[in-house]
Amino acid sequence: MNDVFERCAKAPSFSTMLKRFWRYCRKGESDPSLRETIEELIEESNEDNPSIESDERLLLGNVLNLRDLTAHDIMTPRADMIAVSDTISEDELIDQFVKTGISWLVVYKENLDHVSGIVHTKDMLAWIHSKKPFMLKPLLKDVMFISPAMRTLDLLLMMRKSSLRVAIVVDEYGGVDGIVTFSQLIEEIIGDIEDNNTQSPTPQLHWRSDGSILADGRCTFWELDELVGRPLYLIDEDEDIETLSGLAAFLAGRVPSRGELITHPNGMKFEILDADPRCVKRLCIYTAVPAE
C-alpha cells in the first residue's frame, strides 16, 4: 500500500501528464509505464488525499478512452445531417440558417454523396454586407473526408494540424455515412457543449398528459426503458436494432410513412408522426407499459 502512495506522491502534475500523454498519442510511441501511471491515478480511491482531483481524473479517463473510439462511434448519422444543395438561393440559405440556428451548413452537389464543402454564417453576412451578387461557390470552406474506422484521437490531431473542423465520414463505396465535428471530439473529453455548431439535437423522449410517450426516432430502447422504469423487451437479443426508428422499420418491414400505426407483438402501438424515405423522425408510443 505504501508503494502505491509513494508512486502517487512522485507522480507528475496533471498538466504534465496530459502533455506527455498527448505527445505519446501523437507520435504513436509505446509508453506502457505512462499509461499505467495514468490509469492507476484514475482508479485511485484515497479520497482524503487524492493525487488528482475528480474532474482531472474524469478528463484523463476520457482521453484514454478516446483511443478506443472510431469516427463511426461518435458521428452524426447521415439521416440527421443538415445539408443544402449548391443550387440554393440567397434567401433560401438565409432561411435555413434562421430555421436551424446553427452557424454553418453542409453543401452538396446533386445529392448528399457529393459534398462540396460547408458555408459559414459569418461568410454569408460578409457577402451580404458587400452588396455583391450572390454566388455560393466562393463562400464554401473545405472539409475532410475520412473512413468510419478512423480513430477519433487521430482525427482530433489531424483537425488540430489542418485547421479543418468538419469531417465527412464516407464508406468504402464513397457514400456518406455521417459527419464528425471538432466540437463532438472535444465533447468526448470534457462533456456536452452547448453551442451553435451542433448538427443534430439531443433526442427527445417524454410523457404526454394522456399517458402516451412522444419520442424522437433516434431514441434507444434503453432510454425508453429508463423513462418507463423497467425493461420493455422490445427486441430479441440477436436482433441488431438500437433505435425506435429502426424498430418501427423492422416491424413494418420497410420505412413506415407519416400517419401509420404499427403494433408491436406485446401490444404496444407506435404512431408515426414524422418520417422521410430513410427513417422515422418522430413517433408516439401508446400503451407504454404492457402487462407483466
C-alpha atoms as a PDB file:
ATOM      1  CA  MET A   1       0.000   0.000   0.000  1.00  0.00           C
ATOM      2  CA  ASN A   2       2.836   2.373   0.872  1.00  0.00           C
ATOM      3  CA  ASP A   3       4.367   1.727  -2.557  1.00  0.00           C
ATOM      4  CA  VAL A   4       1.179   2.959  -4.222  1.00  0.00           C
ATOM      5  CA  PHE A   5       1.120   6.149  -2.149  1.00  0.00           C
ATOM      6  CA  GLU A   6       4.792   6.760  -2.886  1.00  0.00           C
ATOM      7  CA  ARG A   7       4.211   6.393  -6.623  1.00  0.00           C
ATOM      8  CA  CYS A   8       1.246   8.760  -6.434  1.00  0.00           C
ATOM      9  CA  ALA A   9       3.237  11.295  -4.448  1.00  0.00           C
ATOM     10  CA  LYS A  10       6.015  11.202  -7.018  1.00  0.00           C
ATOM     11  CA  ALA A  11       3.598  11.365  -9.954  1.00  0.00           C
ATOM     12  CA  PRO A  12       3.922  14.417 -12.204  1.00  0.00           C
ATOM     13  CA  SER A  13       1.259  17.122 -12.174  1.00  0.00           C
ATOM     14  CA  PHE A  14      -1.989  16.744 -14.099  1.00  0.00           C
ATOM     15  CA  SER A  15      -0.927  19.187 -16.819  1.00  0.00           C
ATOM     16  CA  THR A  16       2.472  17.494 -17.214  1.00  0.00           C
ATOM     17  CA  MET A  17       0.883  14.049 -17.533  1.00  0.00           C
ATOM     18  CA  LEU A  18      -1.624  15.316 -20.076  1.00  0.00           C
ATOM     19  CA  LYS A  19       1.098  16.916 -22.212  1.00  0.00           C
ATOM     20  CA  ARG A  20       3.189  13.749 -22.093  1.00  0.00           C
ATOM     21  CA  PHE A  21       0.167  11.652 -22.999  1.00  0.00           C
ATOM     22  CA  TRP A  22      -0.699  13.862 -25.989  1.00  0.00           C
ATOM     23  CA  ARG A  23       2.891  13.510 -27.236  1.00  0.00           C
ATOM     24  CA  TYR A  24       2.639   9.763 -26.733  1.00  0.00           C
ATOM     25  CA  CYS A  25      -0.626   9.637 -28.713  1.00  0.00           C
ATOM     26  CA  ARG A  26       0.610  11.944 -31.478  1.00  0.00           C
ATOM     27  CA  LYS A  27       3.839  10.046 -32.125  1.00  0.00           C
ATOM     28  CA  GLY A  28       2.268   6.621 -31.727  1.00  0.00           C
ATOM     29  CA  GLU A  29       5.007   5.664 -29.264  1.00  0.00           C
ATOM     30  CA  SER A  30       4.604   2.770 -26.891  1.00  0.00           C
ATOM     31  CA  ASP A  31       4.911   4.009 -23.321  1.00  0.00           C
ATOM     32  CA  PRO A  32       3.082   1.475 -21.140  1.00  0.00           C
ATOM     33  CA  SER A  33       4.545   2.903 -17.944  1.00  0.00           C
ATOM     34  CA  LEU A  34       2.941   6.300 -18.636  1.00  0.00           C
ATOM     35  CA  ARG A  35      -0.447   4.759 -19.424  1.00  0.00           C
ATOM     36  CA  GLU A  36      -0.244   2.524 -16.341  1.00  0.00           C
ATOM     37  CA  THR A  37       0.584   5.532 -14.154  1.00  0.00           C
ATOM     38  CA  ILE A  38      -2.390   7.481 -15.504  1.00  0.00           C
ATOM     39  CA  GLU A  39      -4.753   4.521 -15.119  1.00  0.00           C
ATOM     40  CA  GLU A  40      -3.534   3.970 -11.564  1.00  0.00           C
ATOM     41  CA  LEU A  41      -4.199   7.591 -10.643  1.00  0.00           C
ATOM     42  CA  ILE A  42      -7.648   7.463 -12.263  1.00  0.00           C
ATOM     43  CA  GLU A  43      -8.578   4.380 -10.216  1.00  0.00           C
ATOM     44  CA  GLU A  44      -7.074   5.752  -7.009  1.00  0.00           C
ATOM     45  CA  SER A  45      -9.636   5.651  -4.177  1.00  0.00           C
ATOM     46  CA  ASN A  46      -7.802   7.658  -1.494  1.00  0.00           C
ATOM     47  CA  GLU A  47     -10.398  10.441  -1.185  1.00  0.00           C
ATOM     48  CA  ASP A  48      -8.726  12.074   1.843  1.00  0.00           C
ATOM     49  CA  ASN A  49      -5.591  12.975  -0.050  1.00  0.00           C
ATOM     50  CA  PRO A  50      -6.067  12.275  -3.778  1.00  0.00           C
ATOM     51  CA  SER A  51      -3.163  12.873  -6.167  1.00  0.00           C
ATOM     52  CA  ILE A  52      -5.505  14.397  -8.727  1.00  0.00           C
ATOM     53  CA  GLU A  53      -8.942  15.966  -8.373  1.00  0.00           C
ATOM     54  CA  SER A  54     -12.092  14.154  -9.518  1.00  0.00           C
ATOM     55  CA  ASP A  55     -12.607  16.430 -12.523  1.00  0.00           C
ATOM     56  CA  GLU A  56      -8.978  15.902 -13.610  1.00  0.00           C
ATOM     57  CA  ARG A  57      -9.433  12.154 -13.153  1.00  0.00           C
ATOM     58  CA  LEU A  58     -12.510  12.280 -15.388  1.00  0.00           C
ATOM     59  CA  LEU A  59     -10.676  14.205 -18.126  1.00  0.00           C
ATOM     60  CA  LEU A  60      -7.742  11.789 -18.099  1.00  0.00           C
ATOM     61  CA  GLY A  61     -10.112   8.833 -18.305  1.00  0.00           C
ATOM     62  CA  ASN A  62     -11.904  10.377 -21.260  1.00  0.00           C
ATOM     63  CA  VAL A  63      -8.609  10.995 -23.068  1.00  0.00           C
ATOM     64  CA  LEU A  64      -7.611   7.363 -22.527  1.00  0.00           C
ATOM     65  CA  ASN A  65     -10.977   6.173 -23.839  1.00  0.00           C
ATOM     66  CA  LEU A  66     -10.605   8.379 -26.913  1.00  0.00           C
ATOM     67  CA  ARG A  67      -8.002   5.967 -28.312  1.00  0.00           C
ATOM     68  CA  ASP A  68     -10.627   3.215 -28.443  1.00  0.00           C
ATOM     69  CA  LEU A  69     -13.342   5.210 -30.242  1.00  0.00           C
ATOM     70  CA  THR A  70     -13.750   5.494 -34.010  1.00  0.00           C
ATOM     71  CA  ALA A  71     -15.402   8.137 -36.158  1.00  0.00           C
ATOM     72  CA  HIS A  72     -18.364   5.789 -36.598  1.00  0.00           C
ATOM     73  CA  ASP A  73     -18.868   5.671 -32.814  1.00  0.00           C
ATOM     74  CA  ILE A  74     -19.462   9.415 -32.425  1.00  0.00           C
ATOM     75  CA  MET A  75     -20.606  10.659 -35.840  1.00  0.00           C
ATOM     76  CA  THR A  76     -23.962  12.291 -36.512  1.00  0.00           C
ATOM     77  CA  PRO A  77     -25.579   9.783 -38.905  1.00  0.00           C
ATOM     78  CA  ARG A  78     -26.466  10.691 -42.486  1.00  0.00           C
ATOM     79  CA  ALA A  79     -30.210  10.749 -41.738  1.00  0.00           C
ATOM     80  CA  ASP A  80     -29.680  13.531 -39.181  1.00  0.00           C
ATOM     81  CA  MET A  81     -27.272  15.684 -41.183  1.00  0.00           C
ATOM     82  CA  ILE A  82     -28.469  19.189 -42.058  1.00  0.00           C
ATOM     83  CA  ALA A  83     -27.397  19.995 -45.618  1.00  0.00           C
ATOM     84  CA  VAL A  84     -28.382  22.169 -48.587  1.00  0.00           C
ATOM     85  CA  SER A  85     -27.981  21.912 -52.358  1.00  0.00           C
ATOM     86  CA  ASP A  86     -25.422  24.078 -54.152  1.00  0.00           C
ATOM     87  CA  THR A  87     -28.327  25.422 -56.229  1.00  0.00           C
ATOM     88  CA  ILE A  88     -29.921  27.072 -53.181  1.00  0.00           C
ATOM     89  CA  SER A  89     -30.827  30.750 -53.471  1.00  0.00           C
ATOM     90  CA  GLU A  90     -29.603  33.503 -51.160  1.00  0.00           C
ATOM     91  CA  ASP A  91     -32.997  33.871 -49.459  1.00  0.00           C
ATOM     92  CA  GLU A  92     -33.386  30.105 -49.030  1.00  0.00           C
ATOM     93  CA  LEU A  93     -29.915  29.836 -47.497  1.00  0.00           C
ATOM     94  CA  ILE A  94     -30.619  32.629 -45.022  1.00  0.00           C
ATOM     95  CA  ASP A  95     -33.915  30.950 -44.168  1.00  0.00           C
ATOM     96  CA  GLN A  96     -32.072  27.685 -43.445  1.00  0.00           C
ATOM     97  CA  PHE A  97     -29.640  29.420 -41.108  1.00  0.00           C
ATOM     98  CA  VAL A  98     -32.532  31.054 -39.255  1.00  0.00           C
ATOM     99  CA  LYS A  99     -34.584  27.845 -39.102  1.00  0.00           C
ATOM    100  CA  THR A 100     -31.784  25.542 -37.932  1.00  0.00           C
ATOM    101  CA  GLY A 101     -29.994  28.013 -35.662  1.00  0.00           C
ATOM    102  CA  ILE A 102     -26.555  26.596 -36.480  1.00  0.00           C
ATOM    103  CA  SER A 103     -23.580  28.606 -37.684  1.00  0.00           C
ATOM    104  CA  TRP A 104     -22.653  26.505 -40.737  1.00  0.00           C
ATOM    105  CA  LEU A 105     -24.303  24.200 -43.242  1.00  0.00           C
ATOM    106  CA  VAL A 106     -23.066  21.305 -45.356  1.00  0.00           C
ATOM    107  CA  VAL A 107     -23.401  21.980 -49.081  1.00  0.00           C
ATOM    108  CA  TYR A 108     -23.752  19.181 -51.641  1.00  0.00           C
ATOM    109  CA  LYS A 109     -23.957  18.867 -55.423  1.00  0.00           C
ATOM    110  CA  GLU A 110     -26.881  16.789 -56.773  1.00  0.00           C
ATOM    111  CA  ASN A 111     -27.083  14.578 -53.648  1.00  0.00           C
ATOM    112  CA  LEU A 112     -25.527  14.112 -50.213  1.00  0.00           C
ATOM    113  CA  ASP A 113     -22.935  11.668 -51.535  1.00  0.00           C
ATOM    114  CA  HIS A 114     -21.259  14.593 -53.331  1.00  0.00           C
ATOM    115  CA  VAL A 115     -20.395  17.088 -50.564  1.00  0.00           C
ATOM    116  CA  SER A 116     -18.836  20.298 -51.889  1.00  0.00           C
ATOM    117  CA  GLY A 117     -17.952  21.893 -48.541  1.00  0.00           C
ATOM    118  CA  ILE A 118     -19.551  23.993 -45.818  1.00  0.00           C
ATOM    119  CA  VAL A 119     -20.759  27.592 -45.680  1.00  0.00           C
ATOM    120  CA  HIS A 120     -20.499  29.746 -42.513  1.00  0.00           C
ATOM    121  CA  THR A 121     -22.941  32.409 -41.408  1.00  0.00           C
ATOM    122  CA  LYS A 122     -20.063  34.864 -40.919  1.00  0.00           C
ATOM    123  CA  ASP A 123     -19.042  34.476 -44.571  1.00  0.00           C
ATOM    124  CA  MET A 124     -22.664  34.817 -45.627  1.00  0.00           C
ATOM    125  CA  LEU A 125     -23.041  38.029 -43.605  1.00  0.00           C
ATOM    126  CA  ALA A 126     -19.839  39.447 -45.078  1.00  0.00           C
ATOM    127  CA  TRP A 127     -21.141  38.701 -48.589  1.00  0.00           C
ATOM    128  CA  ILE A 128     -24.483  40.390 -47.847  1.00  0.00           C
ATOM    129  CA  HIS A 129     -22.665  43.421 -46.456  1.00  0.00           C
ATOM    130  CA  SER A 130     -20.557  43.653 -49.625  1.00  0.00           C
ATOM    131  CA  LYS A 131     -23.781  44.002 -51.696  1.00  0.00           C
ATOM    132  CA  LYS A 132     -22.286  41.832 -54.432  1.00  0.00           C
ATOM    133  CA  PRO A 133     -24.465  39.418 -56.468  1.00  0.00           C
ATOM    134  CA  PHE A 134     -24.924  36.155 -54.560  1.00  0.00           C
ATOM    135  CA  MET A 135     -22.586  33.290 -55.515  1.00  0.00           C
ATOM    136  CA  LEU A 136     -22.321  30.290 -53.202  1.00  0.00           C
ATOM    137  CA  LYS A 137     -19.117  28.694 -54.520  1.00  0.00           C
ATOM    138  CA  PRO A 138     -16.706  31.437 -53.309  1.00  0.00           C
ATOM    139  CA  LEU A 139     -18.179  31.091 -49.809  1.00  0.00           C
ATOM    140  CA  LEU A 140     -17.510  27.354 -49.480  1.00  0.00           C
ATOM    141  CA  LYS A 141     -14.919  26.079 -46.987  1.00  0.00           C
ATOM    142  CA  ASP A 142     -13.163  22.731 -47.318  1.00  0.00           C
ATOM    143  CA  VAL A 143     -13.992  19.638 -45.278  1.00  0.00           C
ATOM    144  CA  MET A 144     -12.003  16.443 -44.846  1.00  0.00           C
ATOM    145  CA  PHE A 145     -13.240  13.003 -45.852  1.00  0.00           C
ATOM    146  CA  ILE A 146     -12.468  10.108 -43.518  1.00  0.00           C
ATOM    147  CA  SER A 147     -13.135   6.412 -43.029  1.00  0.00           C
ATOM    148  CA  PRO A 148     -15.662   5.261 -40.380  1.00  0.00           C
ATOM    149  CA  ALA A 149     -12.824   3.236 -38.816  1.00  0.00           C
ATOM    150  CA  MET A 150     -10.558   6.236 -38.248  1.00  0.00           C
ATOM    151  CA  ARG A 151      -9.634   6.647 -34.596  1.00  0.00           C
ATOM    152  CA  THR A 152     -11.107   9.745 -33.017  1.00  0.00           C
ATOM    153  CA  LEU A 153      -7.783  10.658 -31.440  1.00  0.00           C
ATOM    154  CA  ASP A 154      -6.093  10.610 -34.844  1.00  0.00           C
ATOM    155  CA  LEU A 155      -8.918  12.733 -36.231  1.00  0.00           C
ATOM    156  CA  LEU A 156      -8.595  15.242 -33.392  1.00  0.00           C
ATOM    157  CA  LEU A 157      -4.867  15.626 -34.025  1.00  0.00           C
ATOM    158  CA  MET A 158      -5.461  15.921 -37.782  1.00  0.00           C
ATOM    159  CA  MET A 159      -8.059  18.664 -37.273  1.00  0.00           C
ATOM    160  CA  ARG A 160      -5.710  20.488 -34.927  1.00  0.00           C
ATOM    161  CA  LYS A 161      -2.956  20.394 -37.538  1.00  0.00           C
ATOM    162  CA  SER A 162      -5.068  21.228 -40.607  1.00  0.00           C
ATOM    163  CA  SER A 163      -7.429  23.800 -39.020  1.00  0.00           C
ATOM    164  CA  LEU A 164     -10.383  21.992 -40.669  1.00  0.00           C
ATOM    165  CA  ARG A 165     -13.209  21.490 -38.181  1.00  0.00           C
ATOM    166  CA  VAL A 166     -15.637  19.261 -40.090  1.00  0.00           C
ATOM    167  CA  ALA A 167     -15.077  15.695 -41.326  1.00  0.00           C
ATOM    168  CA  ILE A 168     -17.420  13.789 -43.634  1.00  0.00           C
ATOM    169  CA  VAL A 169     -17.487  10.050 -42.899  1.00  0.00           C
ATOM    170  CA  VAL A 170     -17.627   8.002 -46.114  1.00  0.00           C
ATOM    171  CA  ASP A 171     -17.890   4.261 -46.647  1.00  0.00           C
ATOM    172  CA  GLU A 172     -15.761   2.096 -48.953  1.00  0.00           C
ATOM    173  CA  TYR A 173     -18.004   2.957 -51.907  1.00  0.00           C
ATOM    174  CA  GLY A 174     -17.774   6.707 -51.375  1.00  0.00           C
ATOM    175  CA  GLY A 175     -21.249   7.083 -49.891  1.00  0.00           C
ATOM    176  CA  VAL A 176     -21.684   9.495 -46.990  1.00  0.00           C
ATOM    177  CA  ASP A 177     -22.323   7.759 -43.651  1.00  0.00           C
ATOM    178  CA  GLY A 178     -22.324  10.804 -41.397  1.00  0.00           C
ATOM    179  CA  ILE A 179     -20.415  13.794 -40.076  1.00  0.00           C
ATOM    180  CA  VAL A 180     -17.985  14.460 -37.221  1.00  0.00           C
ATOM    181  CA  THR A 181     -17.197  17.961 -35.970  1.00  0.00           C
ATOM    182  CA  PHE A 182     -14.378  19.289 -33.816  1.00  0.00           C
ATOM    183  CA  SER A 183     -16.948  20.094 -31.119  1.00  0.00           C
ATOM    184  CA  GLN A 184     -18.054  16.457 -30.980  1.00  0.00           C
ATOM    185  CA  LEU A 185     -14.470  15.335 -30.421  1.00  0.00           C
ATOM    186  CA  ILE A 186     -13.952  17.851 -27.633  1.00  0.00           C
ATOM    187  CA  GLU A 187     -17.236  16.767 -26.030  1.00  0.00           C
ATOM    188  CA  GLU A 188     -15.841  13.239 -25.746  1.00  0.00           C
ATOM    189  CA  ILE A 189     -13.180  14.675 -23.425  1.00  0.00           C
ATOM    190  CA  ILE A 190     -14.906  17.407 -21.429  1.00  0.00           C
ATOM    191  CA  GLY A 191     -18.603  16.551 -21.767  1.00  0.00           C
ATOM    192  CA  ASP A 192     -21.559  18.192 -23.522  1.00  0.00           C
ATOM    193  CA  ILE A 193     -21.050  21.640 -25.010  1.00  0.00           C
ATOM    194  CA  GLU A 194     -23.980  23.936 -25.721  1.00  0.00           C
ATOM    195  CA  ASP A 195     -23.006  25.744 -28.925  1.00  0.00           C
ATOM    196  CA  ASN A 196     -24.401  26.764 -32.298  1.00  0.00           C
ATOM    197  CA  ASN A 197     -22.392  24.256 -34.319  1.00  0.00           C
ATOM    198  CA  THR A 198     -24.466  21.223 -33.345  1.00  0.00           C
ATOM    199  CA  GLN A 199     -25.713  19.362 -36.406  1.00  0.00           C
ATOM    200  CA  SER A 200     -28.068  17.100 -34.510  1.00  0.00           C
ATOM    201  CA  PRO A 201     -30.004  17.990 -31.330  1.00  0.00           C
ATOM    202  CA  THR A 202     -30.273  15.598 -28.397  1.00  0.00           C
ATOM    203  CA  PRO A 203     -33.070  13.060 -28.974  1.00  0.00           C
ATOM    204  CA  GLN A 204     -36.231  13.929 -27.045  1.00  0.00           C
ATOM    205  CA  LEU A 205     -38.337  11.435 -25.105  1.00  0.00           C
ATOM    206  CA  HIS A 206     -41.082  12.414 -22.668  1.00  0.00           C
ATOM    207  CA  TRP A 207     -44.508  11.528 -21.293  1.00  0.00           C
ATOM    208  CA  ARG A 208     -47.635  13.294 -22.542  1.00  0.00           C
ATOM    209  CA  SER A 209     -50.668  14.130 -20.429  1.00  0.00           C
ATOM    210  CA  ASP A 210     -52.722  11.294 -21.971  1.00  0.00           C
ATOM    211  CA  GLY A 211     -50.164   8.665 -20.840  1.00  0.00           C
ATOM    212  CA  SER A 212     -48.552   8.205 -24.244  1.00  0.00           C
ATOM    213  CA  ILE A 213     -44.881   8.922 -24.941  1.00  0.00           C
ATOM    214  CA  LEU A 214     -43.598  11.363 -27.543  1.00  0.00           C
ATOM    215  CA  ALA A 215     -40.266  10.143 -28.891  1.00  0.00           C
ATOM    216  CA  ASP A 216     -37.528  11.092 -31.306  1.00  0.00           C
ATOM    217  CA  GLY A 217     -36.822   8.244 -33.736  1.00  0.00           C
ATOM    218  CA  ARG A 218     -33.156   8.263 -32.687  1.00  0.00           C
ATOM    219  CA  CYS A 219     -34.002   7.380 -29.076  1.00  0.00           C
ATOM    220  CA  THR A 220     -32.765   3.972 -27.985  1.00  0.00           C
ATOM    221  CA  PHE A 221     -34.624   1.154 -26.242  1.00  0.00           C
ATOM    222  CA  TRP A 222     -32.506   1.738 -23.138  1.00  0.00           C
ATOM    223  CA  GLU A 223     -33.591   5.378 -22.965  1.00  0.00           C
ATOM    224  CA  LEU A 224     -37.234   4.289 -23.266  1.00  0.00           C
ATOM    225  CA  ASP A 225     -36.722   1.628 -20.556  1.00  0.00           C
ATOM    226  CA  GLU A 226     -35.216   4.290 -18.279  1.00  0.00           C
ATOM    227  CA  LEU A 227     -38.180   6.628 -18.801  1.00  0.00           C
ATOM    228  CA  VAL A 228     -40.739   3.873 -18.178  1.00  0.00           C
ATOM    229  CA  GLY A 229     -38.833   2.490 -15.211  1.00  0.00           C
ATOM    230  CA  ARG A 230     -38.384  -1.113 -16.298  1.00  0.00           C
ATOM    231  CA  PRO A 231     -37.234  -3.198 -19.290  1.00  0.00           C
ATOM    232  CA  LEU A 232     -39.837  -3.460 -22.052  1.00  0.00           C
ATOM    233  CA  TYR A 233     -38.043  -6.193 -24.048  1.00  0.00           C
ATOM    234  CA  LEU A 234     -38.956  -4.753 -27.440  1.00  0.00           C
ATOM    235  CA  ILE A 235     -36.440  -6.855 -29.391  1.00  0.00           C
ATOM    236  CA  ASP A 236     -34.727 -10.232 -29.143  1.00  0.00           C
ATOM    237  CA  GLU A 237     -31.074 -10.251 -28.125  1.00  0.00           C
ATOM    238  CA  ASP A 238     -29.924 -11.429 -31.568  1.00  0.00           C
ATOM    239  CA  GLU A 239     -31.621  -8.538 -33.425  1.00  0.00           C
ATOM    240  CA  ASP A 240     -29.206  -5.775 -34.436  1.00  0.00           C
ATOM    241  CA  ILE A 241     -31.507  -2.815 -33.733  1.00  0.00           C
ATOM    242  CA  GLU A 242     -30.891   0.033 -31.294  1.00  0.00           C
ATOM    243  CA  THR A 243     -33.308   2.878 -32.040  1.00  0.00           C
ATOM    244  CA  LEU A 244     -37.070   3.315 -32.094  1.00  0.00           C
ATOM    245  CA  SER A 245     -36.811   4.326 -35.757  1.00  0.00           C
ATOM    246  CA  GLY A 246     -35.099   1.023 -36.502  1.00  0.00           C
ATOM    247  CA  LEU A 247     -37.729  -0.878 -34.524  1.00  0.00           C
ATOM    248  CA  ALA A 248     -40.596   0.758 -36.445  1.00  0.00           C
ATOM    249  CA  ALA A 249     -38.947  -0.120 -39.767  1.00  0.00           C
ATOM    250  CA  PHE A 250     -38.306  -3.690 -38.556  1.00  0.00           C
ATOM    251  CA  LEU A 251     -41.941  -4.205 -37.500  1.00  0.00           C
ATOM    252  CA  ALA A 252     -43.304  -2.696 -40.719  1.00  0.00           C
ATOM    253  CA  GLY A 253     -40.807  -4.447 -42.978  1.00  0.00           C
ATOM    254  CA  ARG A 254     -39.934  -1.066 -44.522  1.00  0.00           C
ATOM    255  CA  VAL A 255     -39.603   2.572 -43.502  1.00  0.00           C
ATOM    256  CA  PRO A 256     -43.182   3.488 -42.486  1.00  0.00           C
ATOM    257  CA  SER A 257     -44.865   6.681 -43.633  1.00  0.00           C
ATOM    258  CA  ARG A 258     -46.283   9.530 -41.609  1.00  0.00           C
ATOM    259  CA  GLY A 259     -49.661   8.659 -40.061  1.00  0.00           C
ATOM    260  CA  GLU A 260     -49.140   4.887 -39.963  1.00  0.00           C
ATOM    261  CA  LEU A 261     -49.953   2.966 -36.767  1.00  0.00           C
ATOM    262  CA  ILE A 262     -47.718  -0.025 -36.099  1.00  0.00           C
ATOM    263  CA  THR A 263     -48.471  -2.646 -33.430  1.00  0.00           C
ATOM    264  CA  HIS A 264     -45.740  -4.491 -31.527  1.00  0.00           C
ATOM    265  CA  PRO A 265     -46.361  -8.199 -30.663  1.00  0.00           C
ATOM    266  CA  ASN A 266     -46.529  -7.227 -26.961  1.00  0.00           C
ATOM    267  CA  GLY A 267     -49.454  -4.873 -27.636  1.00  0.00           C
ATOM    268  CA  MET A 268     -47.646  -1.534 -27.724  1.00  0.00           C
ATOM    269  CA  LYS A 269     -48.598   0.783 -30.581  1.00  0.00           C
ATOM    270  CA  PHE A 270     -46.351   3.200 -32.474  1.00  0.00           C
ATOM    271  CA  GLU A 271     -47.907   6.097 -34.383  1.00  0.00           C
ATOM    272  CA  ILE A 272     -45.555   7.635 -36.952  1.00  0.00           C
ATOM    273  CA  LEU A 273     -45.678  11.428 -36.608  1.00  0.00           C
ATOM    274  CA  ASP A 274     -42.869  12.343 -38.989  1.00  0.00           C
ATOM    275  CA  ALA A 275     -40.737  10.332 -41.413  1.00  0.00           C
ATOM    276  CA  ASP A 276     -38.770  10.583 -44.625  1.00  0.00           C
ATOM    277  CA  PRO A 277     -37.802   7.835 -47.121  1.00  0.00           C
ATOM    278  CA  ARG A 278     -34.777   6.849 -44.992  1.00  0.00           C
ATOM    279  CA  CYS A 279     -36.014   6.827 -41.389  1.00  0.00           C
ATOM    280  CA  VAL A 280     -38.702   7.639 -38.833  1.00  0.00           C
ATOM    281  CA  LYS A 281     -38.058  11.022 -37.230  1.00  0.00           C
ATOM    282  CA  ARG A 282     -40.805  11.256 -34.587  1.00  0.00           C
ATOM    283  CA  LEU A 283     -43.353   8.835 -33.201  1.00  0.00           C
ATOM    284  CA  CYS A 284     -45.903   8.492 -30.426  1.00  0.00           C
ATOM    285  CA  ILE A 285     -45.923   5.374 -28.258  1.00  0.00           C
ATOM    286  CA  TYR A 286     -49.198   4.117 -26.791  1.00  0.00           C
ATOM    287  CA  THR A 287     -49.670   1.518 -24.046  1.00  0.00           C
ATOM    288  CA  ALA A 288     -46.113   2.226 -22.978  1.00  0.00           C
ATOM    289  CA  VAL A 289     -46.199  -0.174 -20.037  1.00  0.00           C
ATOM    290  CA  PRO A 290     -47.579  -3.517 -21.258  1.00  0.00           C
ATOM    291  CA  ALA A 291     -48.911  -6.011 -18.730  1.00  0.00           C
ATOM    292  CA  GLU A 292     -46.324  -8.224 -16.981  1.00  0.00           C
END
